[in-house]
PDB file of N, CA and C in Angstrom:
ATOM      1  N   MET A   1     -99.434 -43.665   0.588  1.00  0.00           N
ATOM      2  CA  MET A   1     -99.485 -42.977  -0.731  1.00  0.00           C
ATOM      3  C   MET A   1     -98.323 -43.317  -1.538  1.00  0.00           C
ATOM      4  N   ASP A   2     -97.118 -43.409  -1.044  1.00  0.00           N
ATOM      5  CA  ASP A   2     -96.004 -43.782  -1.823  1.00  0.00           C
ATOM      6  C   ASP A   2     -96.011 -45.246  -2.268  1.00  0.00           C
ATOM      7  N   ASN A   3     -96.605 -46.116  -1.499  1.00  0.00           N
ATOM      8  CA  ASN A   3     -96.668 -47.528  -1.780  1.00  0.00           C
ATOM      9  C   ASN A   3     -97.587 -47.749  -2.974  1.00  0.00           C
ATOM     10  N   ASN A   4     -98.700 -47.106  -3.052  1.00  0.00           N
ATOM     11  CA  ASN A   4     -99.596 -47.203  -4.195  1.00  0.00           C
ATOM     12  C   ASN A   4     -98.951 -46.664  -5.504  1.00  0.00           C
ATOM     13  N   TYR A   5     -98.253 -45.564  -5.362  1.00  0.00           N
ATOM     14  CA  TYR A   5     -97.570 -44.939  -6.459  1.00  0.00           C
ATOM     15  C   TYR A   5     -96.413 -45.902  -7.065  1.00  0.00           C
ATOM     16  N   ASN A   6     -95.718 -46.586  -6.171  1.00  0.00           N
ATOM     17  CA  ASN A   6     -94.710 -47.502  -6.665  1.00  0.00           C
ATOM     18  C   ASN A   6     -95.338 -48.805  -7.273  1.00  0.00           C
ATOM     19  N   ASN A   7     -96.486 -49.228  -6.819  1.00  0.00           N
ATOM     20  CA  ASN A   7     -97.149 -50.357  -7.449  1.00  0.00           C
ATOM     21  C   ASN A   7     -97.766 -49.954  -8.774  1.00  0.00           C
ATOM     22  N   MET A   8     -98.179 -48.777  -8.956  1.00  0.00           N
ATOM     23  CA  MET A   8     -98.717 -48.364 -10.203  1.00  0.00           C
ATOM     24  C   MET A   8     -97.657 -48.310 -11.287  1.00  0.00           C
ATOM     25  N   ASN A   9     -96.417 -47.903 -10.932  1.00  0.00           N
ATOM     26  CA  ASN A   9     -95.343 -47.861 -11.936  1.00  0.00           C
ATOM     27  C   ASN A   9     -94.854 -49.109 -12.391  1.00  0.00           C
ATOM     28  N   GLN A  10     -95.166 -50.218 -11.670  1.00  0.00           N
ATOM     29  CA  GLN A  10     -94.639 -51.589 -12.096  1.00  0.00           C
ATOM     30  C   GLN A  10     -95.420 -52.130 -13.269  1.00  0.00           C
ATOM     31  N   ASN A  11     -96.549 -51.522 -13.671  1.00  0.00           N
ATOM     32  CA  ASN A  11     -97.256 -52.130 -14.775  1.00  0.00           C
ATOM     33  C   ASN A  11     -97.147 -51.266 -16.022  1.00  0.00           C
ATOM     34  N   ILE A  12     -96.094 -50.505 -16.202  1.00  0.00           N
ATOM     35  CA  ILE A  12     -95.821 -49.686 -17.356  1.00  0.00           C
ATOM     36  C   ILE A  12     -95.418 -50.631 -18.488  1.00  0.00           C
ATOM     37  N   PRO A  13     -96.017 -50.576 -19.664  1.00  0.00           N
ATOM     38  CA  PRO A  13     -95.603 -51.447 -20.786  1.00  0.00           C
ATOM     39  C   PRO A  13     -94.194 -51.122 -21.177  1.00  0.00           C
ATOM     40  N   GLY A  14     -93.388 -52.186 -21.369  1.00  0.00           N
ATOM     41  CA  GLY A  14     -92.029 -52.051 -21.812  1.00  0.00           C
ATOM     42  C   GLY A  14     -91.037 -52.039 -20.676  1.00  0.00           C
ATOM     43  N   GLN A  15     -91.553 -51.876 -19.488  1.00  0.00           N
ATOM     44  CA  GLN A  15     -90.543 -51.928 -18.325  1.00  0.00           C
ATOM     45  C   GLN A  15     -90.309 -53.276 -17.917  1.00  0.00           C
ATOM     46  N   PRO A  16     -89.005 -53.652 -17.658  1.00  0.00           N
ATOM     47  CA  PRO A  16     -88.677 -55.035 -17.354  1.00  0.00           C
ATOM     48  C   PRO A  16     -89.332 -55.442 -16.060  1.00  0.00           C
ATOM     49  N   GLY A  17     -89.952 -56.689 -16.082  1.00  0.00           N
ATOM     50  CA  GLY A  17     -90.486 -57.325 -14.976  1.00  0.00           C
ATOM     51  C   GLY A  17     -92.045 -57.017 -14.921  1.00  0.00           C
ATOM     52  N   SER A  18     -92.618 -56.126 -15.717  1.00  0.00           N
ATOM     53  CA  SER A  18     -94.025 -55.875 -15.732  1.00  0.00           C
ATOM     54  C   SER A  18     -94.691 -56.904 -16.563  1.00  0.00           C
ATOM     55  N   PRO A  19     -95.965 -57.166 -16.344  1.00  0.00           N
ATOM     56  CA  PRO A  19     -96.712 -58.192 -17.175  1.00  0.00           C
ATOM     57  C   PRO A  19     -96.851 -57.710 -18.617  1.00  0.00           C
ATOM     58  N   TYR A  20     -96.630 -56.443 -18.954  1.00  0.00           N
ATOM     59  CA  TYR A  20     -96.756 -55.948 -20.269  1.00  0.00           C
ATOM     60  C   TYR A  20     -95.439 -55.882 -21.062  1.00  0.00           C
ATOM     61  N   SER A  21     -94.351 -56.439 -20.428  1.00  0.00           N
ATOM     62  CA  SER A  21     -92.995 -56.351 -21.110  1.00  0.00           C
ATOM     63  C   SER A  21     -92.972 -57.276 -22.313  1.00  0.00           C
ATOM     64  N   GLU A  22     -92.089 -57.033 -23.268  1.00  0.00           N
ATOM     65  CA  GLU A  22     -92.033 -57.884 -24.457  1.00  0.00           C
ATOM     66  C   GLU A  22     -91.648 -59.316 -24.257  1.00  0.00           C
ATOM     67  N   GLY A  23     -90.795 -59.625 -23.179  1.00  0.00           N
ATOM     68  CA  GLY A  23     -90.380 -61.006 -23.026  1.00  0.00           C
ATOM     69  C   GLY A  23     -89.844 -61.188 -21.644  1.00  0.00           C
ATOM     70  N   PRO A  24     -89.322 -62.358 -21.414  1.00  0.00           N
ATOM     71  CA  PRO A  24     -88.745 -62.569 -20.097  1.00  0.00           C
ATOM     72  C   PRO A  24     -87.501 -61.808 -19.765  1.00  0.00           C
ATOM     73  N   VAL A  25     -87.290 -61.512 -18.622  1.00  0.00           N
ATOM     74  CA  VAL A  25     -86.081 -60.714 -18.226  1.00  0.00           C
ATOM     75  C   VAL A  25     -85.011 -61.706 -17.784  1.00  0.00           C
ATOM     76  N   TYR A  26     -83.795 -61.627 -18.419  1.00  0.00           N
ATOM     77  CA  TYR A  26     -82.779 -62.553 -18.101  1.00  0.00           C
ATOM     78  C   TYR A  26     -81.698 -61.787 -17.241  1.00  0.00           C
ATOM     79  N   VAL A  27     -81.355 -62.517 -16.150  1.00  0.00           N
ATOM     80  CA  VAL A  27     -80.306 -61.928 -15.307  1.00  0.00           C
ATOM     81  C   VAL A  27     -78.954 -62.422 -15.757  1.00  0.00           C
ATOM     82  N   ASP A  28     -77.986 -61.500 -15.934  1.00  0.00           N
ATOM     83  CA  ASP A  28     -76.629 -61.773 -16.324  1.00  0.00           C
ATOM     84  C   ASP A  28     -75.963 -62.539 -15.151  1.00  0.00           C
ATOM     85  N   GLN A  29     -75.703 -63.775 -15.361  1.00  0.00           N
ATOM     86  CA  GLN A  29     -74.911 -64.528 -14.338  1.00  0.00           C
ATOM     87  C   GLN A  29     -73.599 -64.909 -14.843  1.00  0.00           C
ATOM     88  N   SER A  30     -72.728 -63.855 -14.894  1.00  0.00           N
ATOM     89  CA  SER A  30     -71.411 -64.036 -15.458  1.00  0.00           C
ATOM     90  C   SER A  30     -70.572 -64.824 -14.475  1.00  0.00           C
ATOM     91  N   LYS A  31     -69.481 -65.427 -14.968  1.00  0.00           N
ATOM     92  CA  LYS A  31     -68.632 -66.239 -14.088  1.00  0.00           C
ATOM     93  C   LYS A  31     -67.804 -65.314 -13.201  1.00  0.00           C
ATOM     94  N   SER A  32     -67.406 -65.887 -12.021  1.00  0.00           N
ATOM     95  CA  SER A  32     -66.535 -65.068 -11.155  1.00  0.00           C
ATOM     96  C   SER A  32     -65.179 -64.858 -11.735  1.00  0.00           C
ATOM     97  N   PRO A  33     -64.500 -63.803 -11.265  1.00  0.00           N
ATOM     98  CA  PRO A  33     -63.151 -63.544 -11.849  1.00  0.00           C
ATOM     99  C   PRO A  33     -62.129 -64.715 -11.514  1.00  0.00           C
ATOM    100  N   GLN A  34     -62.367 -65.404 -10.408  1.00  0.00           N
ATOM    101  CA  GLN A  34     -61.490 -66.571 -10.060  1.00  0.00           C
ATOM    102  C   GLN A  34     -61.660 -67.635 -11.026  1.00  0.00           C
ATOM    103  N   GLN A  35     -62.812 -67.860 -11.581  1.00  0.00           N
ATOM    104  CA  GLN A  35     -63.014 -69.046 -12.591  1.00  0.00           C
ATOM    105  C   GLN A  35     -62.401 -68.585 -13.868  1.00  0.00           C
ATOM    106  N   ALA A  36     -62.504 -67.324 -14.220  1.00  0.00           N
ATOM    107  CA  ALA A  36     -61.878 -66.867 -15.442  1.00  0.00           C
ATOM    108  C   ALA A  36     -60.376 -66.863 -15.328  1.00  0.00           C
ATOM    109  N   GLN A  37     -59.879 -66.514 -14.144  1.00  0.00           N
ATOM    110  CA  GLN A  37     -58.435 -66.582 -13.968  1.00  0.00           C
ATOM    111  C   GLN A  37     -57.909 -68.017 -13.956  1.00  0.00           C
ATOM    112  N   GLY A  38     -58.665 -68.999 -13.406  1.00  0.00           N
ATOM    113  CA  GLY A  38     -58.317 -70.378 -13.483  1.00  0.00           C
ATOM    114  C   GLY A  38     -58.252 -70.944 -14.946  1.00  0.00           C
ATOM    115  N   LYS A  39     -59.338 -70.488 -15.751  1.00  0.00           N
ATOM    116  CA  LYS A  39     -59.312 -70.953 -17.112  1.00  0.00           C
ATOM    117  C   LYS A  39     -58.128 -70.336 -17.925  1.00  0.00           C
ATOM    118  N   ALA A  40     -57.795 -69.054 -17.532  1.00  0.00           N
ATOM    119  CA  ALA A  40     -56.659 -68.487 -18.274  1.00  0.00           C
ATOM    120  C   ALA A  40     -55.315 -69.210 -17.920  1.00  0.00           C
ATOM    121  N   VAL A  41     -55.200 -69.536 -16.670  1.00  0.00           N
ATOM    122  CA  VAL A  41     -54.002 -70.400 -16.378  1.00  0.00           C
ATOM    123  C   VAL A  41     -54.024 -71.742 -17.026  1.00  0.00           C
ATOM    124  N   ALA A  42     -55.174 -72.357 -17.175  1.00  0.00           N
ATOM    125  CA  ALA A  42     -55.279 -73.679 -17.969  1.00  0.00           C
ATOM    126  C   ALA A  42     -54.870 -73.446 -19.403  1.00  0.00           C
ATOM    127  N   GLY A  43     -55.322 -72.373 -20.013  1.00  0.00           N
ATOM    128  CA  GLY A  43     -54.993 -72.007 -21.324  1.00  0.00           C
ATOM    129  C   GLY A  43     -53.488 -71.838 -21.513  1.00  0.00           C
ATOM    130  N   LEU A  44     -52.925 -71.179 -20.451  1.00  0.00           N
ATOM    131  CA  LEU A  44     -51.460 -70.993 -20.553  1.00  0.00           C
ATOM    132  C   LEU A  44     -50.685 -72.265 -20.411  1.00  0.00           C
ATOM    133  N   ILE A  45     -51.106 -73.195 -19.527  1.00  0.00           N
ATOM    134  CA  ILE A  45     -50.422 -74.462 -19.387  1.00  0.00           C
ATOM    135  C   ILE A  45     -50.598 -75.294 -20.607  1.00  0.00           C
ATOM    136  N   LEU A  46     -51.736 -75.295 -21.193  1.00  0.00           N
ATOM    137  CA  LEU A  46     -51.948 -75.994 -22.479  1.00  0.00           C
ATOM    138  C   LEU A  46     -51.043 -75.388 -23.652  1.00  0.00           C
ATOM    139  N   GLY A  47     -50.885 -74.052 -23.605  1.00  0.00           N
ATOM    140  CA  GLY A  47     -49.957 -73.411 -24.577  1.00  0.00           C
ATOM    141  C   GLY A  47     -48.593 -73.845 -24.479  1.00  0.00           C
ATOM    142  N   ILE A  48     -48.150 -73.909 -23.196  1.00  0.00           N
ATOM    143  CA  ILE A  48     -46.767 -74.312 -22.934  1.00  0.00           C
ATOM    144  C   ILE A  48     -46.609 -75.887 -23.275  1.00  0.00           C
ATOM    145  N   GLY A  49     -47.622 -76.646 -23.017  1.00  0.00           N
ATOM    146  CA  GLY A  49     -47.594 -78.063 -23.450  1.00  0.00           C
ATOM    147  C   GLY A  49     -47.563 -78.244 -24.924  1.00  0.00           C
ATOM    148  N   SER A  50     -48.330 -77.359 -25.632  1.00  0.00           N
ATOM    149  CA  SER A  50     -48.304 -77.508 -27.177  1.00  0.00           C
ATOM    150  C   SER A  50     -46.955 -77.142 -27.708  1.00  0.00           C
ATOM    151  N   ILE A  51     -46.248 -76.228 -27.122  1.00  0.00           N
ATOM    152  CA  ILE A  51     -44.906 -75.949 -27.645  1.00  0.00           C
ATOM    153  C   ILE A  51     -43.917 -76.967 -27.266  1.00  0.00           C
ATOM    154  N   LEU A  52     -43.965 -77.543 -26.083  1.00  0.00           N
ATOM    155  CA  LEU A  52     -43.080 -78.596 -25.691  1.00  0.00           C
ATOM    156  C   LEU A  52     -43.238 -79.841 -26.553  1.00  0.00           C
ATOM    157  N   PHE A  53     -44.443 -80.114 -26.839  1.00  0.00           N
ATOM    158  CA  PHE A  53     -44.705 -81.335 -27.714  1.00  0.00           C
ATOM    159  C   PHE A  53     -44.861 -80.916 -29.192  1.00  0.00           C
ATOM    160  N   GLY A  54     -44.190 -79.871 -29.567  1.00  0.00           N
ATOM    161  CA  GLY A  54     -44.292 -79.396 -30.979  1.00  0.00           C
ATOM    162  C   GLY A  54     -43.763 -80.415 -31.953  1.00  0.00           C
ATOM    163  N   CYS A  55     -42.726 -81.151 -31.584  1.00  0.00           N
ATOM    164  CA  CYS A  55     -42.101 -82.120 -32.520  1.00  0.00           C
ATOM    165  C   CYS A  55     -42.982 -83.367 -32.755  1.00  0.00           C
ATOM    166  N   THR A  56     -43.904 -83.608 -31.831  1.00  0.00           N
ATOM    167  CA  THR A  56     -44.748 -84.747 -32.001  1.00  0.00           C
ATOM    168  C   THR A  56     -45.783 -84.558 -33.051  1.00  0.00           C
ATOM    169  N   GLY A  57     -46.308 -83.361 -33.159  1.00  0.00           N
ATOM    170  CA  GLY A  57     -47.280 -83.073 -34.151  1.00  0.00           C
ATOM    171  C   GLY A  57     -48.742 -83.190 -33.580  1.00  0.00           C
ATOM    172  N   ILE A  58     -49.182 -84.364 -33.369  1.00  0.00           N
ATOM    173  CA  ILE A  58     -50.606 -84.604 -33.015  1.00  0.00           C
ATOM    174  C   ILE A  58     -50.825 -84.112 -31.576  1.00  0.00           C
ATOM    175  N   ILE A  59     -49.950 -84.423 -30.636  1.00  0.00           N
ATOM    176  CA  ILE A  59     -50.225 -83.955 -29.184  1.00  0.00           C
ATOM    177  C   ILE A  59     -50.199 -82.396 -29.191  1.00  0.00           C
ATOM    178  N   SER A  60     -49.326 -81.842 -29.935  1.00  0.00           N
ATOM    179  CA  SER A  60     -49.194 -80.375 -29.985  1.00  0.00           C
ATOM    180  C   SER A  60     -50.520 -79.700 -30.498  1.00  0.00           C
ATOM    181  N   LEU A  61     -51.035 -80.359 -31.602  1.00  0.00           N
ATOM    182  CA  LEU A  61     -52.323 -79.840 -32.187  1.00  0.00           C
ATOM    183  C   LEU A  61     -53.419 -79.987 -31.216  1.00  0.00           C
ATOM    184  N   ILE A  62     -53.568 -81.145 -30.484  1.00  0.00           N
ATOM    185  CA  ILE A  62     -54.573 -81.280 -29.541  1.00  0.00           C
ATOM    186  C   ILE A  62     -54.460 -80.322 -28.474  1.00  0.00           C
ATOM    187  N   CYS A  63     -53.353 -80.141 -27.828  1.00  0.00           N
ATOM    188  CA  CYS A  63     -53.091 -79.174 -26.722  1.00  0.00           C
ATOM    189  C   CYS A  63     -53.411 -77.731 -27.251  1.00  0.00           C
ATOM    190  N   GLY A  64     -52.992 -77.418 -28.416  1.00  0.00           N
ATOM    191  CA  GLY A  64     -53.188 -76.063 -28.956  1.00  0.00           C
ATOM    192  C   GLY A  64     -54.689 -75.746 -29.202  1.00  0.00           C
ATOM    193  N   ILE A  65     -55.380 -76.699 -29.764  1.00  0.00           N
ATOM    194  CA  ILE A  65     -56.818 -76.470 -30.040  1.00  0.00           C
ATOM    195  C   ILE A  65     -57.617 -76.350 -28.689  1.00  0.00           C
ATOM    196  N   ILE A  66     -57.383 -77.287 -27.811  1.00  0.00           N
ATOM    197  CA  ILE A  66     -58.098 -77.180 -26.549  1.00  0.00           C
ATOM    198  C   ILE A  66     -57.655 -75.890 -25.818  1.00  0.00           C
ATOM    199  N   GLY A  67     -56.461 -75.450 -25.816  1.00  0.00           N
ATOM    200  CA  GLY A  67     -56.047 -74.225 -25.214  1.00  0.00           C
ATOM    201  C   GLY A  67     -56.661 -73.043 -25.795  1.00  0.00           C
ATOM    202  N   LEU A  68     -56.831 -72.986 -27.179  1.00  0.00           N
ATOM    203  CA  LEU A  68     -57.497 -71.896 -27.807  1.00  0.00           C
ATOM    204  C   LEU A  68     -58.965 -71.815 -27.495  1.00  0.00           C
ATOM    205  N   VAL A  69     -59.654 -73.031 -27.305  1.00  0.00           N
ATOM    206  CA  VAL A  69     -61.040 -73.035 -26.904  1.00  0.00           C
ATOM    207  C   VAL A  69     -61.198 -72.433 -25.516  1.00  0.00           C
ATOM    208  N   VAL A  70     -60.269 -72.855 -24.595  1.00  0.00           N
ATOM    209  CA  VAL A  70     -60.309 -72.372 -23.224  1.00  0.00           C
ATOM    210  C   VAL A  70     -60.058 -70.823 -23.161  1.00  0.00           C
ATOM    211  N   CYS A  71     -59.162 -70.356 -23.953  1.00  0.00           N
ATOM    212  CA  CYS A  71     -58.840 -68.966 -23.948  1.00  0.00           C
ATOM    213  C   CYS A  71     -60.047 -68.163 -24.570  1.00  0.00           C
ATOM    214  N   SER A  72     -60.699 -68.694 -25.582  1.00  0.00           N
ATOM    215  CA  SER A  72     -61.816 -68.026 -26.126  1.00  0.00           C
ATOM    216  C   SER A  72     -63.014 -67.968 -25.166  1.00  0.00           C
ATOM    217  N   GLN A  73     -63.123 -69.034 -24.260  1.00  0.00           N
ATOM    218  CA  GLN A  73     -64.136 -68.976 -23.208  1.00  0.00           C
ATOM    219  C   GLN A  73     -63.837 -67.908 -22.221  1.00  0.00           C
ATOM    220  N   VAL A  74     -62.556 -67.706 -21.895  1.00  0.00           N
ATOM    221  CA  VAL A  74     -62.160 -66.617 -20.899  1.00  0.00           C
ATOM    222  C   VAL A  74     -62.515 -65.313 -21.568  1.00  0.00           C
ATOM    223  N   LYS A  75     -62.208 -65.086 -22.793  1.00  0.00           N
ATOM    224  CA  LYS A  75     -62.552 -63.794 -23.497  1.00  0.00           C
ATOM    225  C   LYS A  75     -64.077 -63.547 -23.511  1.00  0.00           C
ATOM    226  N   ARG A  76     -64.872 -64.622 -23.745  1.00  0.00           N
ATOM    227  CA  ARG A  76     -66.267 -64.477 -23.769  1.00  0.00           C
ATOM    228  C   ARG A  76     -66.864 -64.216 -22.347  1.00  0.00           C
ATOM    229  N   GLU A  77     -66.289 -64.745 -21.393  1.00  0.00           N
ATOM    230  CA  GLU A  77     -66.865 -64.625 -20.022  1.00  0.00           C
ATOM    231  C   GLU A  77     -66.458 -63.318 -19.308  1.00  0.00           C
ATOM    232  N   THR A  78     -65.352 -62.690 -19.728  1.00  0.00           N
ATOM    233  CA  THR A  78     -64.954 -61.463 -18.991  1.00  0.00           C
ATOM    234  C   THR A  78     -64.911 -60.272 -20.020  1.00  0.00           C
ATOM    235  N   THR A  79     -65.054 -59.104 -19.449  1.00  0.00           N
ATOM    236  CA  THR A  79     -64.990 -57.911 -20.347  1.00  0.00           C
ATOM    237  C   THR A  79     -63.573 -57.643 -20.942  1.00  0.00           C
ATOM    238  N   GLU A  80     -62.532 -57.912 -20.081  1.00  0.00           N
ATOM    239  CA  GLU A  80     -61.241 -57.705 -20.559  1.00  0.00           C
ATOM    240  C   GLU A  80     -60.466 -58.985 -20.172  1.00  0.00           C
ATOM    241  N   MET A  81     -59.785 -59.558 -21.145  1.00  0.00           N
ATOM    242  CA  MET A  81     -59.036 -60.749 -21.011  1.00  0.00           C
ATOM    243  C   MET A  81     -57.866 -60.467 -20.124  1.00  0.00           C
ATOM    244  N   PRO A  82     -57.540 -61.297 -19.116  1.00  0.00           N
ATOM    245  CA  PRO A  82     -56.337 -61.152 -18.247  1.00  0.00           C
ATOM    246  C   PRO A  82     -55.072 -61.373 -19.122  1.00  0.00           C
ATOM    247  N   GLY A  83     -53.967 -60.861 -18.599  1.00  0.00           N
ATOM    248  CA  GLY A  83     -52.707 -61.019 -19.332  1.00  0.00           C
ATOM    249  C   GLY A  83     -52.270 -62.405 -19.542  1.00  0.00           C
ATOM    250  N   ILE A  84     -52.571 -63.285 -18.527  1.00  0.00           N
ATOM    251  CA  ILE A  84     -52.189 -64.676 -18.623  1.00  0.00           C
ATOM    252  C   ILE A  84     -52.975 -65.311 -19.818  1.00  0.00           C
ATOM    253  N   GLY A  85     -54.261 -64.901 -19.975  1.00  0.00           N
ATOM    254  CA  GLY A  85     -55.014 -65.415 -21.042  1.00  0.00           C
ATOM    255  C   GLY A  85     -54.510 -65.084 -22.430  1.00  0.00           C
ATOM    256  N   LYS A  86     -54.025 -63.760 -22.517  1.00  0.00           N
ATOM    257  CA  LYS A  86     -53.438 -63.298 -23.806  1.00  0.00           C
ATOM    258  C   LYS A  86     -52.205 -64.084 -24.137  1.00  0.00           C
ATOM    259  N   VAL A  87     -51.295 -64.285 -23.059  1.00  0.00           N
ATOM    260  CA  VAL A  87     -50.117 -65.025 -23.378  1.00  0.00           C
ATOM    261  C   VAL A  87     -50.375 -66.550 -23.682  1.00  0.00           C
ATOM    262  N   GLY A  88     -51.394 -67.080 -23.030  1.00  0.00           N
ATOM    263  CA  GLY A  88     -51.803 -68.440 -23.347  1.00  0.00           C
ATOM    264  C   GLY A  88     -52.336 -68.605 -24.701  1.00  0.00           C
ATOM    265  N   LYS A  89     -53.061 -67.546 -25.294  1.00  0.00           N
ATOM    266  CA  LYS A  89     -53.564 -67.625 -26.587  1.00  0.00           C
ATOM    267  C   LYS A  89     -52.436 -67.564 -27.640  1.00  0.00           C
ATOM    268  N   VAL A  90     -51.438 -66.690 -27.392  1.00  0.00           N
ATOM    269  CA  VAL A  90     -50.214 -66.593 -28.263  1.00  0.00           C
ATOM    270  C   VAL A  90     -49.460 -67.835 -28.205  1.00  0.00           C
ATOM    271  N   LEU A  91     -49.207 -68.486 -27.042  1.00  0.00           N
ATOM    272  CA  LEU A  91     -48.518 -69.762 -26.966  1.00  0.00           C
ATOM    273  C   LEU A  91     -49.205 -70.875 -27.636  1.00  0.00           C
ATOM    274  N   ASN A  92     -50.544 -70.894 -27.561  1.00  0.00           N
ATOM    275  CA  ASN A  92     -51.353 -71.892 -28.268  1.00  0.00           C
ATOM    276  C   ASN A  92     -51.241 -71.797 -29.791  1.00  0.00           C
ATOM    277  N   ILE A  93     -51.290 -70.590 -30.234  1.00  0.00           N
ATOM    278  CA  ILE A  93     -51.119 -70.341 -31.740  1.00  0.00           C
ATOM    279  C   ILE A  93     -49.713 -70.788 -32.152  1.00  0.00           C
ATOM    280  N   ILE A  94     -48.684 -70.466 -31.421  1.00  0.00           N
ATOM    281  CA  ILE A  94     -47.360 -70.913 -31.701  1.00  0.00           C
ATOM    282  C   ILE A  94     -47.248 -72.404 -31.658  1.00  0.00           C
ATOM    283  N   GLY A  95     -47.958 -73.050 -30.676  1.00  0.00           N
ATOM    284  CA  GLY A  95     -47.931 -74.484 -30.572  1.00  0.00           C
ATOM    285  C   GLY A  95     -48.648 -75.151 -31.681  1.00  0.00           C
ATOM    286  N   LEU A  96     -49.726 -74.497 -32.264  1.00  0.00           N
ATOM    287  CA  LEU A  96     -50.447 -75.048 -33.447  1.00  0.00           C
ATOM    288  C   LEU A  96     -49.522 -74.993 -34.644  1.00  0.00           C
ATOM    289  N   VAL A  97     -48.867 -73.935 -34.860  1.00  0.00           N
ATOM    290  CA  VAL A  97     -47.949 -73.832 -35.970  1.00  0.00           C
ATOM    291  C   VAL A  97     -46.800 -74.870 -35.824  1.00  0.00           C
ATOM    292  N   MET A  98     -46.293 -75.061 -34.606  1.00  0.00           N
ATOM    293  CA  MET A  98     -45.255 -76.039 -34.464  1.00  0.00           C
ATOM    294  C   MET A  98     -45.726 -77.454 -34.631  1.00  0.00           C
ATOM    295  N   GLY A  99     -46.998 -77.731 -34.185  1.00  0.00           N
ATOM    296  CA  GLY A  99     -47.611 -79.001 -34.379  1.00  0.00           C
ATOM    297  C   GLY A  99     -47.780 -79.269 -35.889  1.00  0.00           C
ATOM    298  N   ALA A 100     -48.269 -78.291 -36.680  1.00  0.00           N
ATOM    299  CA  ALA A 100     -48.466 -78.460 -38.121  1.00  0.00           C
ATOM    300  C   ALA A 100     -47.077 -78.714 -38.754  1.00  0.00           C
ATOM    301  N   LEU A 101     -46.076 -78.012 -38.391  1.00  0.00           N
ATOM    302  CA  LEU A 101     -44.720 -78.227 -38.958  1.00  0.00           C
ATOM    303  C   LEU A 101     -44.250 -79.623 -38.572  1.00  0.00           C
ATOM    304  N   GLY A 102     -44.496 -80.060 -37.301  1.00  0.00           N
ATOM    305  CA  GLY A 102     -44.034 -81.423 -36.833  1.00  0.00           C
ATOM    306  C   GLY A 102     -44.758 -82.437 -37.715  1.00  0.00           C
ATOM    307  N   ILE A 103     -45.958 -82.327 -37.938  1.00  0.00           N
ATOM    308  CA  ILE A 103     -46.630 -83.347 -38.799  1.00  0.00           C
ATOM    309  C   ILE A 103     -46.077 -83.312 -40.178  1.00  0.00           C
ATOM    310  N   LEU A 104     -45.830 -82.209 -40.765  1.00  0.00           N
ATOM    311  CA  LEU A 104     -45.181 -82.021 -42.023  1.00  0.00           C
ATOM    312  C   LEU A 104     -43.800 -82.707 -42.074  1.00  0.00           C
ATOM    313  N   PHE A 105     -43.048 -82.522 -40.970  1.00  0.00           N
ATOM    314  CA  PHE A 105     -41.701 -83.087 -40.894  1.00  0.00           C
ATOM    315  C   PHE A 105     -41.835 -84.612 -40.879  1.00  0.00           C
ATOM    316  N   TRP A 106     -42.780 -85.169 -40.050  1.00  0.00           N
ATOM    317  CA  TRP A 106     -42.942 -86.631 -39.977  1.00  0.00           C
ATOM    318  C   TRP A 106     -43.391 -87.190 -41.399  1.00  0.00           C
ATOM    319  N   LEU A 107     -44.360 -86.500 -42.016  1.00  0.00           N
ATOM    320  CA  LEU A 107     -44.764 -86.988 -43.303  1.00  0.00           C
ATOM    321  C   LEU A 107     -43.648 -87.008 -44.313  1.00  0.00           C
ATOM    322  N   ILE A 108     -42.804 -85.914 -44.355  1.00  0.00           N
ATOM    323  CA  ILE A 108     -41.683 -85.959 -45.290  1.00  0.00           C
ATOM    324  C   ILE A 108     -40.691 -87.059 -44.903  1.00  0.00           C
ATOM    325  N   LEU A 109     -40.511 -87.266 -43.665  1.00  0.00           N
ATOM    326  CA  LEU A 109     -39.539 -88.325 -43.291  1.00  0.00           C
ATOM    327  C   LEU A 109     -40.007 -89.675 -43.647  1.00  0.00           C
ATOM    328  N   ILE A 110     -41.334 -89.930 -43.471  1.00  0.00           N
ATOM    329  CA  ILE A 110     -41.948 -91.254 -43.758  1.00  0.00           C
ATOM    330  C   ILE A 110     -41.940 -91.462 -45.269  1.00  0.00           C
ATOM    331  N   LEU A 111     -42.314 -90.429 -46.031  1.00  0.00           N
ATOM    332  CA  LEU A 111     -42.477 -90.615 -47.453  1.00  0.00           C
ATOM    333  C   LEU A 111     -41.123 -90.676 -48.196  1.00  0.00           C
ATOM    334  N   PHE A 112     -40.238 -89.760 -47.820  1.00  0.00           N
ATOM    335  CA  PHE A 112     -38.904 -89.656 -48.563  1.00  0.00           C
ATOM    336  C   PHE A 112     -37.702 -90.151 -47.738  1.00  0.00           C
ATOM    337  N   GLY A 113     -37.897 -90.628 -46.610  1.00  0.00           N
ATOM    338  CA  GLY A 113     -36.667 -90.970 -45.805  1.00  0.00           C
ATOM    339  C   GLY A 113     -36.162 -92.386 -46.186  1.00  0.00           C
ATOM    340  N   ASP A 114     -34.829 -92.538 -45.981  1.00  0.00           N
ATOM    341  CA  ASP A 114     -34.121 -93.817 -46.293  1.00  0.00           C
ATOM    342  C   ASP A 114     -34.278 -94.630 -45.054  1.00  0.00           C
ATOM    343  N   TRP A 115     -34.982 -95.717 -45.101  1.00  0.00           N
ATOM    344  CA  TRP A 115     -35.176 -96.526 -43.961  1.00  0.00           C
ATOM    345  C   TRP A 115     -34.353 -97.823 -44.017  1.00  0.00           C
ATOM    346  N   GLU A 116     -33.441 -97.944 -44.897  1.00  0.00           N
ATOM    347  CA  GLU A 116     -32.520 -99.128 -45.065  1.00  0.00           C
ATOM    348  C   GLU A 116     -31.439 -98.993 -43.960  1.00  0.00           C
ATOM    349  N   VAL A 117     -31.134-100.105 -43.303  1.00  0.00           N
ATOM    350  CA  VAL A 117     -30.048-100.129 -42.369  1.00  0.00           C
ATOM    351  C   VAL A 117     -28.943-100.961 -42.920  1.00  0.00           C
ATOM    352  N   THR A 118     -27.713-100.331 -43.052  1.00  0.00           N
ATOM    353  CA  THR A 118     -26.605-101.126 -43.594  1.00  0.00           C
ATOM    354  C   THR A 118     -25.581-101.289 -42.538  1.00  0.00           C
ATOM    355  N   TYR A 119     -24.994-102.490 -42.492  1.00  0.00           N
ATOM    356  CA  TYR A 119     -23.957-102.810 -41.512  1.00  0.00           C
ATOM    357  C   TYR A 119     -22.630-102.990 -42.240  1.00  0.00           C
ATOM    358  N   TYR A 120     -21.618-102.382 -41.853  1.00  0.00           N
ATOM    359  CA  TYR A 120     -20.337-102.559 -42.478  1.00  0.00           C
ATOM    360  C   TYR A 120     -19.463-103.425 -41.687  1.00  0.00           C
TER     361      TYR A 120
END
């Protein structure tokens, strides 16, 4: 008796998995916490690299942009961003600012710098 009752309830319109439901049922296959933690560490390393290469400009911008993308993926994949991911995001933003200032420094040096060499 219970078996027939359960089979009858599966065909209720609007219930997920029934033939009368509005659309396909998608299963949430979120990433594991270890993968999110690994991406957070990668974002942190890229943030440190963007600060270390801040005087070069281009390398700092590349590391900072990739690091921000990785940190945003961590935030999208988990409900709460790990502390390492938050620190990585801040370091990447600082690295982007330093990279922009590094490019500005090199442009000013190239445009207005004195490139003549004098020997006495």
